[in-house]
C-alpha atoms as a PDB file:
ATOM      1  CA  UNK A   1      25.590  17.136  -8.813  1.00  0.00           C
ATOM      2  CA  UNK A   2      22.447  17.632 -10.616  1.00  0.00           C
ATOM      3  CA  UNK A   3      22.948  21.458 -10.750  1.00  0.00           C
ATOM      4  CA  UNK A   4      26.277  21.134 -12.445  1.00  0.00           C
ATOM      5  CA  UNK A   5      24.699  18.950 -15.185  1.00  0.00           C
ATOM      6  CA  UNK A   6      22.080  21.789 -15.640  1.00  0.00           C
ATOM      7  CA  UNK A   7      24.857  24.328 -16.073  1.00  0.00           C
ATOM      8  CA  UNK A   8      26.799  22.020 -18.360  1.00  0.00           C
ATOM      9  CA  UNK A   9      23.593  21.674 -20.495  1.00  0.00           C
ATOM     10  CA  UNK A  10      23.335  25.576 -20.498  1.00  0.00           C
ATOM     11  CA  UNK A  11      26.908  25.804 -21.808  1.00  0.00           C
ATOM     12  CA  UNK A  12      26.178  23.043 -24.448  1.00  0.00           C
ATOM     13  CA  UNK A  13      23.157  24.938 -25.773  1.00  0.00           C
ATOM     14  CA  UNK A  14      25.493  27.978 -26.172  1.00  0.00           C
ATOM     15  CA  UNK A  15      27.524  25.997 -28.680  1.00  0.00           C
ATOM     16  CA  UNK A  16      24.383  25.178 -30.592  1.00  0.00           C
ATOM     17  CA  UNK A  17      23.018  28.754 -30.755  1.00  0.00           C
ATOM     18  CA  UNK A  18      26.144  30.689 -31.021  1.00  0.00           C
ATOM     19  CA  UNK A  19      25.238  33.880 -33.023  1.00  0.00           C
ATOM     20  CA  UNK A  20      28.752  34.530 -34.506  1.00  0.00           C
ATOM     21  CA  UNK A  21      31.278  32.251 -36.260  1.00  0.00           C
ATOM     22  CA  UNK A  22      33.548  31.863 -33.200  1.00  0.00           C
ATOM     23  CA  UNK A  23      36.100  29.343 -32.655  1.00  0.00           C
ATOM     24  CA  UNK A  24      35.871  26.713 -29.800  1.00  0.00           C
ATOM     25  CA  UNK A  25      37.618  28.853 -27.198  1.00  0.00           C
ATOM     26  CA  UNK A  26      35.631  32.079 -27.956  1.00  0.00           C
ATOM     27  CA  UNK A  27      32.289  30.028 -27.992  1.00  0.00           C
ATOM     28  CA  UNK A  28      33.197  28.380 -24.723  1.00  0.00           C
ATOM     29  CA  UNK A  29      33.949  31.845 -23.213  1.00  0.00           C
ATOM     30  CA  UNK A  30      30.759  33.346 -24.469  1.00  0.00           C
ATOM     31  CA  UNK A  31      28.582  30.434 -23.364  1.00  0.00           C
ATOM     32  CA  UNK A  32      30.259  30.131 -19.891  1.00  0.00           C
ATOM     33  CA  UNK A  33      29.918  33.854 -19.308  1.00  0.00           C
ATOM     34  CA  UNK A  34      26.137  33.975 -20.090  1.00  0.00           C
ATOM     35  CA  UNK A  35      25.676  30.725 -18.009  1.00  0.00           C
ATOM     36  CA  UNK A  36      27.272  32.476 -15.128  1.00  0.00           C
ATOM     37  CA  UNK A  37      24.934  35.567 -15.279  1.00  0.00           C
ATOM     38  CA  UNK A  38      21.931  33.209 -15.512  1.00  0.00           C
ATOM     39  CA  UNK A  39      23.170  30.983 -12.744  1.00  0.00           C
ATOM     40  CA  UNK A  40      23.485  34.062 -10.492  1.00  0.00           C
ATOM     41  CA  UNK A  41      19.965  35.127 -11.214  1.00  0.00           C
ATOM     42  CA  UNK A  42      18.510  31.617 -10.805  1.00  0.00           C
ATOM     43  CA  UNK A  43      20.259  31.016  -7.524  1.00  0.00           C
ATOM     44  CA  UNK A  44      19.072  34.296  -6.086  1.00  0.00           C
ATOM     45  CA  UNK A  45      15.636  33.477  -7.230  1.00  0.00           C
ATOM     46  CA  UNK A  46      15.481  29.927  -5.902  1.00  0.00           C
ATOM     47  CA  UNK A  47      17.251  30.491  -2.534  1.00  0.00           C
ATOM     48  CA  UNK A  48      16.175  33.988  -1.668  1.00  0.00           C
ATOM     49  CA  UNK A  49      13.211  35.341  -3.501  1.00  0.00           C
ATOM     50  CA  UNK A  50      10.991  32.185  -3.605  1.00  0.00           C
ATOM     51  CA  UNK A  51      11.463  31.237   0.169  1.00  0.00           C
ATOM     52  CA  UNK A  52      11.233  34.818   1.297  1.00  0.00           C
ATOM     53  CA  UNK A  53       8.573  36.334  -0.841  1.00  0.00           C
ATOM     54  CA  UNK A  54       6.823  33.785  -3.164  1.00  0.00           C
ATOM     55  CA  UNK A  55       4.405  32.353  -0.439  1.00  0.00           C
ATOM     56  CA  UNK A  56       3.262  35.663   1.134  1.00  0.00           C
ATOM     57  CA  UNK A  57      -0.334  36.727   0.903  1.00  0.00           C
ATOM     58  CA  UNK A  58       0.445  38.792  -2.221  1.00  0.00           C
ATOM     59  CA  UNK A  59       2.916  37.931  -4.941  1.00  0.00           C
ATOM     60  CA  UNK A  60       3.679  41.625  -5.860  1.00  0.00           C
ATOM     61  CA  UNK A  61       6.881  41.834  -3.686  1.00  0.00           C
ATOM     62  CA  UNK A  62       8.185  38.765  -5.355  1.00  0.00           C
ATOM     63  CA  UNK A  63       7.455  39.953  -8.882  1.00  0.00           C
ATOM     64  CA  UNK A  64       9.023  43.356  -8.105  1.00  0.00           C
ATOM     65  CA  UNK A  65      12.213  41.813  -6.856  1.00  0.00           C
ATOM     66  CA  UNK A  66      12.403  39.405  -9.828  1.00  0.00           C
ATOM     67  CA  UNK A  67      12.131  42.558 -12.104  1.00  0.00           C
ATOM     68  CA  UNK A  68      14.707  44.312 -10.009  1.00  0.00           C
ATOM     69  CA  UNK A  69      17.086  41.512 -10.182  1.00  0.00           C
ATOM     70  CA  UNK A  70      16.860  41.116 -13.923  1.00  0.00           C
ATOM     71  CA  UNK A  71      17.410  45.047 -14.140  1.00  0.00           C
ATOM     72  CA  UNK A  72      20.525  44.657 -12.037  1.00  0.00           C
ATOM     73  CA  UNK A  73      21.993  41.906 -14.163  1.00  0.00           C
ATOM     74  CA  UNK A  74      21.049  43.367 -17.441  1.00  0.00           C
ATOM     75  CA  UNK A  75      24.017  45.730 -17.819  1.00  0.00           C
ATOM     76  CA  UNK A  76      26.540  42.938 -17.036  1.00  0.00           C
ATOM     77  CA  UNK A  77      24.852  40.755 -19.705  1.00  0.00           C
ATOM     78  CA  UNK A  78      24.799  43.678 -22.220  1.00  0.00           C
ATOM     79  CA  UNK A  79      28.374  44.636 -21.639  1.00  0.00           C
ATOM     80  CA  UNK A  80      29.668  41.078 -21.743  1.00  0.00           C
ATOM     81  CA  UNK A  81      27.914  40.282 -24.973  1.00  0.00           C
ATOM     82  CA  UNK A  82      28.941  43.515 -26.609  1.00  0.00           C
ATOM     83  CA  UNK A  83      32.521  42.920 -25.743  1.00  0.00           C
ATOM     84  CA  UNK A  84      32.327  39.410 -27.200  1.00  0.00           C
ATOM     85  CA  UNK A  85      30.972  40.990 -30.452  1.00  0.00           C
ATOM     86  CA  UNK A  86      33.406  43.850 -30.637  1.00  0.00           C
ATOM     87  CA  UNK A  87      35.328  42.490 -33.707  1.00  0.00           C
ATOM     88  CA  UNK A  88      32.058  42.117 -35.537  1.00  0.00           C
ATOM     89  CA  UNK A  89      30.772  45.512 -36.657  1.00  0.00           C
ATOM     90  CA  UNK A  90      28.000  44.002 -38.675  1.00  0.00           C
ATOM     91  CA  UNK A  91      26.098  42.944 -35.481  1.00  0.00           C
ATOM     92  CA  UNK A  92      25.736  46.562 -34.248  1.00  0.00           C
ATOM     93  CA  UNK A  93      22.010  46.148 -34.211  1.00  0.00           C
ATOM     94  CA  UNK A  94      22.033  42.375 -33.422  1.00  0.00           C
ATOM     95  CA  UNK A  95      20.217  40.996 -30.369  1.00  0.00           C
ATOM     96  CA  UNK A  96      23.714  40.645 -28.588  1.00  0.00           C
ATOM     97  CA  UNK A  97      23.904  44.334 -28.360  1.00  0.00           C
ATOM     98  CA  UNK A  98      20.261  44.972 -27.364  1.00  0.00           C
ATOM     99  CA  UNK A  99      19.896  45.534 -23.541  1.00  0.00           C
ATOM    100  CA  UNK A 100      16.107  44.999 -23.657  1.00  0.00           C
ATOM    101  CA  UNK A 101      16.636  41.563 -25.211  1.00  0.00           C
ATOM    102  CA  UNK A 102      18.990  40.579 -22.128  1.00  0.00           C
ATOM    103  CA  UNK A 103      16.430  42.040 -19.706  1.00  0.00           C
ATOM    104  CA  UNK A 104      13.523  39.950 -21.097  1.00  0.00           C
ATOM    105  CA  UNK A 105      15.676  36.908 -21.319  1.00  0.00           C
ATOM    106  CA  UNK A 106      16.678  37.192 -17.659  1.00  0.00           C
ATOM    107  CA  UNK A 107      13.094  37.760 -16.572  1.00  0.00           C
ATOM    108  CA  UNK A 108      11.768  34.767 -18.506  1.00  0.00           C
ATOM    109  CA  UNK A 109      14.536  32.338 -17.659  1.00  0.00           C
ATOM    110  CA  UNK A 110      14.602  33.253 -13.933  1.00  0.00           C
ATOM    111  CA  UNK A 111      10.779  33.018 -13.690  1.00  0.00           C
ATOM    112  CA  UNK A 112      10.927  29.589 -15.434  1.00  0.00           C
ATOM    113  CA  UNK A 113      13.176  28.338 -12.688  1.00  0.00           C
ATOM    114  CA  UNK A 114      10.336  28.977 -10.241  1.00  0.00           C
ATOM    115  CA  UNK A 115       8.436  26.149 -12.082  1.00  0.00           C
ATOM    116  CA  UNK A 116      11.096  23.870 -10.860  1.00  0.00           C
ATOM    117  CA  UNK A 117      11.191  25.047  -7.170  1.00  0.00           C
ATOM    118  CA  UNK A 118       7.536  25.320  -6.617  1.00  0.00           C
ATOM    119  CA  UNK A 119       6.738  21.562  -7.157  1.00  0.00           C
ATOM    120  CA  UNK A 120       9.782  20.526  -5.100  1.00  0.00           C
ATOM    121  CA  UNK A 121       8.493  22.809  -2.350  1.00  0.00           C
ATOM    122  CA  UNK A 122       5.043  21.330  -2.466  1.00  0.00           C
ATOM    123  CA  UNK A 123       6.406  17.742  -2.248  1.00  0.00           C
ATOM    124  CA  UNK A 124       8.544  18.624   0.582  1.00  0.00           C
ATOM    125  CA  UNK A 125       5.657  20.281   2.499  1.00  0.00           C
ATOM    126  CA  UNK A 126       3.518  17.165   1.749  1.00  0.00           C
ATOM    127  CA  UNK A 127       6.366  14.886   3.046  1.00  0.00           C
ATOM    128  CA  UNK A 128       6.743  16.849   6.148  1.00  0.00           C
ATOM    129  CA  UNK A 129       3.008  16.985   6.724  1.00  0.00           C
ATOM    130  CA  UNK A 130       2.809  13.221   6.347  1.00  0.00           C
ATOM    131  CA  UNK A 131       5.651  12.722   8.772  1.00  0.00           C
ATOM    132  CA  UNK A 132       4.007  15.078  11.246  1.00  0.00           C
ATOM    133  CA  UNK A 133       0.806  13.182  10.991  1.00  0.00           C
ATOM    134  CA  UNK A 134       2.692   9.905  11.503  1.00  0.00           C
ATOM    135  CA  UNK A 135       4.471  11.266  14.574  1.00  0.00           C
ATOM    136  CA  UNK A 136       1.091  12.594  15.910  1.00  0.00           C
ATOM    137  CA  UNK A 137      -0.518   9.118  15.377  1.00  0.00           C
ATOM    138  CA  UNK A 138       2.502   7.407  17.121  1.00  0.00           C
ATOM    139  CA  UNK A 139       2.340   9.927  20.068  1.00  0.00           C
ATOM    140  CA  UNK A 140      -1.418   9.399  20.392  1.00  0.00           C
ATOM    141  CA  UNK A 141      -1.043   5.570  20.293  1.00  0.00           C
ATOM    142  CA  UNK A 142       1.649   5.621  22.956  1.00  0.00           C
ATOM    143  CA  UNK A 143      -0.492   7.946  25.112  1.00  0.00           C
ATOM    144  CA  UNK A 144      -3.581   5.549  24.794  1.00  0.00           C
ATOM    145  CA  UNK A 145      -1.465   2.625  25.607  1.00  0.00           C
ATOM    146  CA  UNK A 146      -0.081   4.404  28.653  1.00  0.00           C
ATOM    147  CA  UNK A 147      -3.509   5.015  29.802  1.00  0.00           C
ATOM    148  CA  UNK A 148      -4.521   1.329  29.534  1.00  0.00           C
ATOM    149  CA  UNK A 149      -1.568  -0.192  31.362  1.00  0.00           C
ATOM    150  CA  UNK A 150      -2.218   1.383  34.777  1.00  0.00           C
ATOM    151  CA  UNK A 151      -5.885   0.431  34.446  1.00  0.00           C
ATOM    152  CA  UNK A 152      -4.987  -3.296  34.238  1.00  0.00           C
ATOM    153  CA  UNK A 153      -2.447  -2.950  37.104  1.00  0.00           C
ATOM    154  CA  UNK A 154      -4.980  -1.247  39.345  1.00  0.00           C
ATOM    155  CA  UNK A 155      -7.597  -4.016  38.886  1.00  0.00           C
ATOM    156  CA  UNK A 156      -4.999  -6.865  39.450  1.00  0.00           C
ATOM    157  CA  UNK A 157      -3.574  -5.222  42.532  1.00  0.00           C
ATOM    158  CA  UNK A 158      -7.156  -5.153  43.968  1.00  0.00           C
ATOM    159  CA  UNK A 159      -7.197  -8.950  43.305  1.00  0.00           C
ATOM    160  CA  UNK A 160      -4.036  -9.451  45.259  1.00  0.00           C
ATOM    161  CA  UNK A 161      -5.260  -7.281  48.111  1.00  0.00           C
ATOM    162  CA  UNK A 162      -8.368  -9.275  48.435  1.00  0.00           C
ATOM    163  CA  UNK A 163      -6.349 -12.630  48.738  1.00  0.00           C
ATOM    164  CA  UNK A 164      -3.806 -11.153  51.258  1.00  0.00           C
ATOM    165  CA  UNK A 165      -6.719 -10.011  53.435  1.00  0.00           C
ATOM    166  CA  UNK A 166      -7.879 -13.744  53.385  1.00  0.00           C
ATOM    167  CA  UNK A 167      -4.239 -14.856  54.085  1.00  0.00           C
ATOM    168  CA  UNK A 168      -4.658 -17.126  51.060  1.00  0.00           C
ATOM    169  CA  UNK A 169      -1.972 -19.478  49.962  1.00  0.00           C
ATOM    170  CA  UNK A 170      -2.850 -18.516  46.469  1.00  0.00           C
ATOM    171  CA  UNK A 171      -1.190 -15.131  46.889  1.00  0.00           C
ATOM    172  CA  UNK A 172       2.247 -16.283  45.715  1.00  0.00           C
ATOM    173  CA  UNK A 173       0.670 -17.465  42.413  1.00  0.00           C
ATOM    174  CA  UNK A 174      -0.845 -14.057  41.899  1.00  0.00           C
ATOM    175  CA  UNK A 175       2.450 -12.308  42.448  1.00  0.00           C
ATOM    176  CA  UNK A 176       4.061 -14.695  39.888  1.00  0.00           C
ATOM    177  CA  UNK A 177       1.342 -14.005  37.244  1.00  0.00           C
ATOM    178  CA  UNK A 178       1.405 -10.373  38.004  1.00  0.00           C
ATOM    179  CA  UNK A 179       5.157 -10.379  37.456  1.00  0.00           C
ATOM    180  CA  UNK A 180       4.624 -12.035  34.067  1.00  0.00           C
ATOM    181  CA  UNK A 181       1.932  -9.479  33.139  1.00  0.00           C
ATOM    182  CA  UNK A 182       4.239  -6.636  34.110  1.00  0.00           C
ATOM    183  CA  UNK A 183       7.098  -8.022  32.040  1.00  0.00           C
ATOM    184  CA  UNK A 184       4.789  -8.144  29.157  1.00  0.00           C
ATOM    185  CA  UNK A 185       3.669  -4.636  29.473  1.00  0.00           C
ATOM    186  CA  UNK A 186       7.010  -3.041  30.223  1.00  0.00           C
ATOM    187  CA  UNK A 187       9.162  -4.753  27.581  1.00  0.00           C
ATOM    188  CA  UNK A 188       7.366  -6.850  25.007  1.00  0.00           C
ATOM    189  CA  UNK A 189       4.700  -4.206  24.460  1.00  0.00           C
ATOM    190  CA  UNK A 190       7.290  -1.583  23.305  1.00  0.00           C
ATOM    191  CA  UNK A 191       7.129  -3.201  19.887  1.00  0.00           C
ATOM    192  CA  UNK A 192       4.552  -2.009  17.407  1.00  0.00           C
ATOM    193  CA  UNK A 193       3.322  -5.622  17.030  1.00  0.00           C
ATOM    194  CA  UNK A 194       3.385  -8.791  19.071  1.00  0.00           C
ATOM    195  CA  UNK A 195       2.315 -12.378  18.235  1.00  0.00           C
ATOM    196  CA  UNK A 196      -1.215 -13.184  19.114  1.00  0.00           C
ATOM    197  CA  UNK A 197       0.366 -16.029  21.258  1.00  0.00           C
ATOM    198  CA  UNK A 198       2.008 -13.421  23.458  1.00  0.00           C
ATOM    199  CA  UNK A 199      -1.254 -11.400  23.707  1.00  0.00           C
ATOM    200  CA  UNK A 200      -3.187 -14.623  24.667  1.00  0.00           C
ATOM    201  CA  UNK A 201      -0.639 -15.699  27.296  1.00  0.00           C
ATOM    202  CA  UNK A 202      -1.310 -12.244  28.859  1.00  0.00           C
ATOM    203  CA  UNK A 203      -5.003 -12.816  28.725  1.00  0.00           C
ATOM    204  CA  UNK A 204      -4.550 -16.301  30.254  1.00  0.00           C
ATOM    205  CA  UNK A 205      -2.717 -14.960  33.211  1.00  0.00           C
ATOM    206  CA  UNK A 206      -5.401 -12.374  33.612  1.00  0.00           C
ATOM    207  CA  UNK A 207      -7.919 -15.095  33.602  1.00  0.00           C
ATOM    208  CA  UNK A 208      -6.046 -17.249  36.112  1.00  0.00           C
ATOM    209  CA  UNK A 209      -6.053 -14.222  38.385  1.00  0.00           C
ATOM    210  CA  UNK A 210      -9.808 -13.890  37.979  1.00  0.00           C
ATOM    211  CA  UNK A 211     -10.446 -17.424  38.588  1.00  0.00           C
ATOM    212  CA  UNK A 212      -8.979 -17.181  42.049  1.00  0.00           C
ATOM    213  CA  UNK A 213     -11.859 -14.907  42.906  1.00  0.00           C
ATOM    214  CA  UNK A 214     -14.686 -17.103  41.896  1.00  0.00           C
ATOM    215  CA  UNK A 215     -15.816 -20.506  43.497  1.00  0.00           C
ATOM    216  CA  UNK A 216     -16.731 -21.989  40.050  1.00  0.00           C
ATOM    217  CA  UNK A 217     -13.930 -21.599  37.588  1.00  0.00           C
ATOM    218  CA  UNK A 218     -15.988 -23.295  34.898  1.00  0.00           C
ATOM    219  CA  UNK A 219     -17.848 -20.094  34.653  1.00  0.00           C
ATOM    220  CA  UNK A 220     -14.901 -18.720  32.836  1.00  0.00           C
ATOM    221  CA  UNK A 221     -14.237 -20.348  29.469  1.00  0.00           C
ATOM    222  CA  UNK A 222     -11.691 -19.628  26.713  1.00  0.00           C
ATOM    223  CA  UNK A 223     -11.332 -21.211  23.180  1.00  0.00           C
ATOM    224  CA  UNK A 224      -8.315 -20.023  21.185  1.00  0.00           C
ATOM    225  CA  UNK A 225      -7.483 -21.312  17.753  1.00  0.00           C
ATOM    226  CA  UNK A 226      -3.988 -22.485  17.709  1.00  0.00           C
ATOM    227  CA  UNK A 227      -3.486 -21.219  14.147  1.00  0.00           C
ATOM    228  CA  UNK A 228      -3.521 -17.664  15.637  1.00  0.00           C
ATOM    229  CA  UNK A 229      -0.356 -18.046  17.598  1.00  0.00           C
ATOM    230  CA  UNK A 230       2.035 -16.626  14.945  1.00  0.00           C
ATOM    231  CA  UNK A 231      -0.144 -13.788  13.564  1.00  0.00           C
ATOM    232  CA  UNK A 232       0.951 -10.319  14.545  1.00  0.00           C
ATOM    233  CA  UNK A 233      -1.218  -7.711  16.237  1.00  0.00           C
ATOM    234  CA  UNK A 234      -0.823  -4.420  18.143  1.00  0.00           C
ATOM    235  CA  UNK A 235      -0.158  -5.204  21.916  1.00  0.00           C
ATOM    236  CA  UNK A 236      -2.851  -4.875  24.425  1.00  0.00           C
ATOM    237  CA  UNK A 237      -5.521  -4.525  21.857  1.00  0.00           C
ATOM    238  CA  UNK A 238      -7.769  -7.481  23.065  1.00  0.00           C
ATOM    239  CA  UNK A 239      -7.515  -7.410  26.859  1.00  0.00           C
ATOM    240  CA  UNK A 240      -9.853  -4.363  27.404  1.00  0.00           C
ATOM    241  CA  UNK A 241     -12.792  -6.509  26.103  1.00  0.00           C
ATOM    242  CA  UNK A 242     -11.841  -9.191  28.657  1.00  0.00           C
ATOM    243  CA  UNK A 243     -11.360  -6.881  31.451  1.00  0.00           C
ATOM    244  CA  UNK A 244     -14.583  -5.084  30.731  1.00  0.00           C
ATOM    245  CA  UNK A 245     -16.580  -8.452  30.734  1.00  0.00           C
ATOM    246  CA  UNK A 246     -15.290  -9.171  34.324  1.00  0.00           C
ATOM    247  CA  UNK A 247     -16.089  -5.683  35.485  1.00  0.00           C
ATOM    248  CA  UNK A 248     -19.692  -5.939  34.493  1.00  0.00           C
ATOM    249  CA  UNK A 249     -20.416  -9.665  34.025  1.00  0.00           C
ATOM    250  CA  UNK A 250     -19.002 -11.671  36.816  1.00  0.00           C
ATOM    251  CA  UNK A 251     -21.056 -11.276  40.078  1.00  0.00           C
ATOM    252  CA  UNK A 252     -19.875 -13.337  43.081  1.00  0.00           C
ATOM    253  CA  UNK A 253     -23.413 -13.501  44.329  1.00  0.00           C
ATOM    254  CA  UNK A 254     -24.749 -15.091  41.278  1.00  0.00           C
ATOM    255  CA  UNK A 255     -24.163 -18.747  40.482  1.00  0.00           C
ATOM    256  CA  UNK A 256     -25.006 -18.312  36.796  1.00  0.00           C
ATOM    257  CA  UNK A 257     -22.654 -15.554  35.901  1.00  0.00           C
ATOM    258  CA  UNK A 258     -20.192 -16.331  33.105  1.00  0.00           C
ATOM    259  CA  UNK A 259     -17.527 -15.070  30.726  1.00  0.00           C
ATOM    260  CA  UNK A 260     -16.952 -16.815  27.374  1.00  0.00           C
ATOM    261  CA  UNK A 261     -13.836 -15.888  25.177  1.00  0.00           C
ATOM    262  CA  UNK A 262     -13.344 -17.202  21.737  1.00  0.00           C
ATOM    263  CA  UNK A 263     -10.664 -16.376  19.106  1.00  0.00           C
ATOM    264  CA  UNK A 264     -10.597 -17.866  15.485  1.00  0.00           C
ATOM    265  CA  UNK A 265      -8.290 -17.451  12.500  1.00  0.00           C
ATOM    266  CA  UNK A 266     -10.237 -17.082   9.343  1.00  0.00           C
ATOM    267  CA  UNK A 267      -7.956 -16.593   6.290  1.00  0.00           C
ATOM    268  CA  UNK A 268      -5.686 -14.330   8.170  1.00  0.00           C
ATOM    269  CA  UNK A 269      -8.468 -12.509   9.871  1.00  0.00           C
ATOM    270  CA  UNK A 270      -8.898 -12.485  13.631  1.00  0.00           C
ATOM    271  CA  UNK A 271     -12.477 -13.167  14.942  1.00  0.00           C
ATOM    272  CA  UNK A 272     -12.367 -12.328  18.616  1.00  0.00           C
ATOM    273  CA  UNK A 273     -15.595 -12.644  20.733  1.00  0.00           C
ATOM    274  CA  UNK A 274     -16.247 -12.022  24.384  1.00  0.00           C
ATOM    275  CA  UNK A 275     -19.617 -12.832  25.811  1.00  0.00           C
ATOM    276  CA  UNK A 276     -20.491 -12.150  29.425  1.00  0.00           C
ATOM    277  CA  UNK A 277     -23.682 -12.413  31.612  1.00  0.00           C
ATOM    278  CA  UNK A 278     -25.451  -9.212  32.852  1.00  0.00           C
ATOM    279  CA  UNK A 279     -26.855  -8.803  36.399  1.00  0.00           C
ATOM    280  CA  UNK A 280     -30.621  -8.562  36.206  1.00  0.00           C
ATOM    281  CA  UNK A 281     -32.100  -5.289  37.289  1.00  0.00           C
ATOM    282  CA  UNK A 282     -33.787  -5.213  40.727  1.00  0.00           C
ATOM    283  CA  UNK A 283     -37.582  -4.615  40.850  1.00  0.00           C
ATOM    284  CA  UNK A 284     -38.129  -0.913  40.657  1.00  0.00           C
ATOM    285  CA  UNK A 285     -34.515  -0.145  39.418  1.00  0.00           C
ATOM    286  CA  UNK A 286     -33.585   0.750  35.897  1.00  0.00           C
ATOM    287  CA  UNK A 287     -31.629  -1.544  33.723  1.00  0.00           C
ATOM    288  CA  UNK A 288     -27.819  -1.400  34.102  1.00  0.00           C
ATOM    289  CA  UNK A 289     -26.145   1.363  32.033  1.00  0.00           C
ATOM    290  CA  UNK A 290     -24.410   0.353  28.914  1.00  0.00           C
ATOM    291  CA  UNK A 291     -20.995  -1.009  29.450  1.00  0.00           C
ATOM    292  CA  UNK A 292     -17.848   1.157  28.613  1.00  0.00           C
ATOM    293  CA  UNK A 293     -15.113   2.823  30.452  1.00  0.00           C
ATOM    294  CA  UNK A 294     -11.637   4.234  29.599  1.00  0.00           C
ATOM    295  CA  UNK A 295     -10.547   0.785  28.418  1.00  0.00           C
ATOM    296  CA  UNK A 296     -13.159   0.392  25.665  1.00  0.00           C
ATOM    297  CA  UNK A 297     -12.938   3.997  24.616  1.00  0.00           C
ATOM    298  CA  UNK A 298      -9.127   3.780  24.175  1.00  0.00           C
ATOM    299  CA  UNK A 299      -9.232   0.429  22.314  1.00  0.00           C
ATOM    300  CA  UNK A 300     -11.766   1.855  19.990  1.00  0.00           C
ATOM    301  CA  UNK A 301      -9.556   4.744  19.201  1.00  0.00           C
ATOM    302  CA  UNK A 302      -6.605   2.499  18.675  1.00  0.00           C
ATOM    303  CA  UNK A 303      -8.472   0.359  16.299  1.00  0.00           C
ATOM    304  CA  UNK A 304      -9.251   3.551  14.309  1.00  0.00           C
ATOM    305  CA  UNK A 305      -5.618   4.558  14.147  1.00  0.00           C
ATOM    306  CA  UNK A 306      -4.013   1.054  13.617  1.00  0.00           C
ATOM    307  CA  UNK A 307      -6.587  -0.709  11.515  1.00  0.00           C
ATOM    308  CA  UNK A 308      -8.508   1.839   9.541  1.00  0.00           C
ATOM    309  CA  UNK A 309     -11.018   0.186   7.202  1.00  0.00           C
ATOM    310  CA  UNK A 310      -9.554  -3.175   8.296  1.00  0.00           C
ATOM    311  CA  UNK A 311     -11.554  -3.904  11.429  1.00  0.00           C
ATOM    312  CA  UNK A 312     -15.148  -4.260  12.497  1.00  0.00           C
ATOM    313  CA  UNK A 313     -16.394  -4.019  16.050  1.00  0.00           C
ATOM    314  CA  UNK A 314     -20.018  -5.133  17.005  1.00  0.00           C
ATOM    315  CA  UNK A 315     -21.431  -4.549  20.350  1.00  0.00           C
ATOM    316  CA  UNK A 316     -24.627  -6.507  21.304  1.00  0.00           C
ATOM    317  CA  UNK A 317     -26.536  -5.683  24.491  1.00  0.00           C
ATOM    318  CA  UNK A 318     -29.177  -8.467  25.040  1.00  0.00           C
ATOM    319  CA  UNK A 319     -31.415  -8.618  28.097  1.00  0.00           C
ATOM    320  CA  UNK A 320     -29.119 -11.317  29.774  1.00  0.00           C
ATOM    321  CA  UNK A 321     -25.773 -10.965  28.064  1.00  0.00           C
ATOM    322  CA  UNK A 322     -23.359  -8.498  26.521  1.00  0.00           C
ATOM    323  CA  UNK A 323     -21.283  -9.410  23.538  1.00  0.00           C
ATOM    324  CA  UNK A 324     -18.274  -7.777  21.990  1.00  0.00           C
ATOM    325  CA  UNK A 325     -17.356  -9.161  18.637  1.00  0.00           C
ATOM    326  CA  UNK A 326     -14.185  -7.855  16.860  1.00  0.00           C
ATOM    327  CA  UNK A 327     -12.952  -8.759  13.422  1.00  0.00           C
ATOM    328  CA  UNK A 328      -9.475  -7.535  12.276  1.00  0.00           C
ATOM    329  CA  UNK A 329      -7.728  -8.243   8.852  1.00  0.00           C
ATOM    330  CA  UNK A 330      -4.306  -9.113   9.936  1.00  0.00           C
ATOM    331  CA  UNK A 331      -2.909  -9.810   6.376  1.00  0.00           C
ATOM    332  CA  UNK A 332      -0.016  -7.634   5.501  1.00  0.00           C
ATOM    333  CA  UNK A 333      -0.881  -4.980   3.033  1.00  0.00           C
END
């Protein structure tokens, strides 16, 4: 539709600059004929020359073809304008009858049309590049999430295995909680965001499974701000910190081992903190290695992709405890 408006504008300009005192029908024929010639040149330039030759390492082939196209159409423009001026002998040396004028005009107008196509191509390339980057980020996020899920499942199945070896009556509870966790991972986590209430329910299920392994459940404490429930967050973003604290902090042989979890809503910002005890180094042994693993590596990468410049992660490694403190601005931008 926009192209037709451009050609109608060309025809309208012809009425304004008509070189001879033609009537309406002759002026319309003259303006339409010249517009058709320019339309052919511009279309060949926009849809053949620019895509095929403009963006090559050298621009010489494009310029050569542009000049060749103008030379090819110049006789048609010259003959048509000469035919229109056939009844006006006084314009024998007028620009209507000069082939060099039509050649230069074709080169200039066709080249000017490139100034329209080049910005459009640049915007299209930028849009495609942005879409590709978005797709790459989404693919990477999905890959990271797929790496995390089996990690949780593996640890939980180990817990269940330990209970079944003891023929514990608590095994059915483990299966129920594991089922709830699996439902969350398989269905609810398919969304880009979930409520923090859903994420905390998953964490609570995980904690209940871990409590079954320890004689003193009071060693595991959790304090969740109720105002957090309706805020939205990326799924499975918090659990790696909790899982990591149990992996390195709770030791069944130590009565003073602990894990403390706290989550607070501060003006739409999530303040999430996990503190766990550290096993003391035995005499003659080096201190335990810094905590890490696939879970924390992946969650750090997810934070970079999902909340760039909107999160802060602090890791404190004290002699007797290990603290992970995460702050995320969850306010919609």
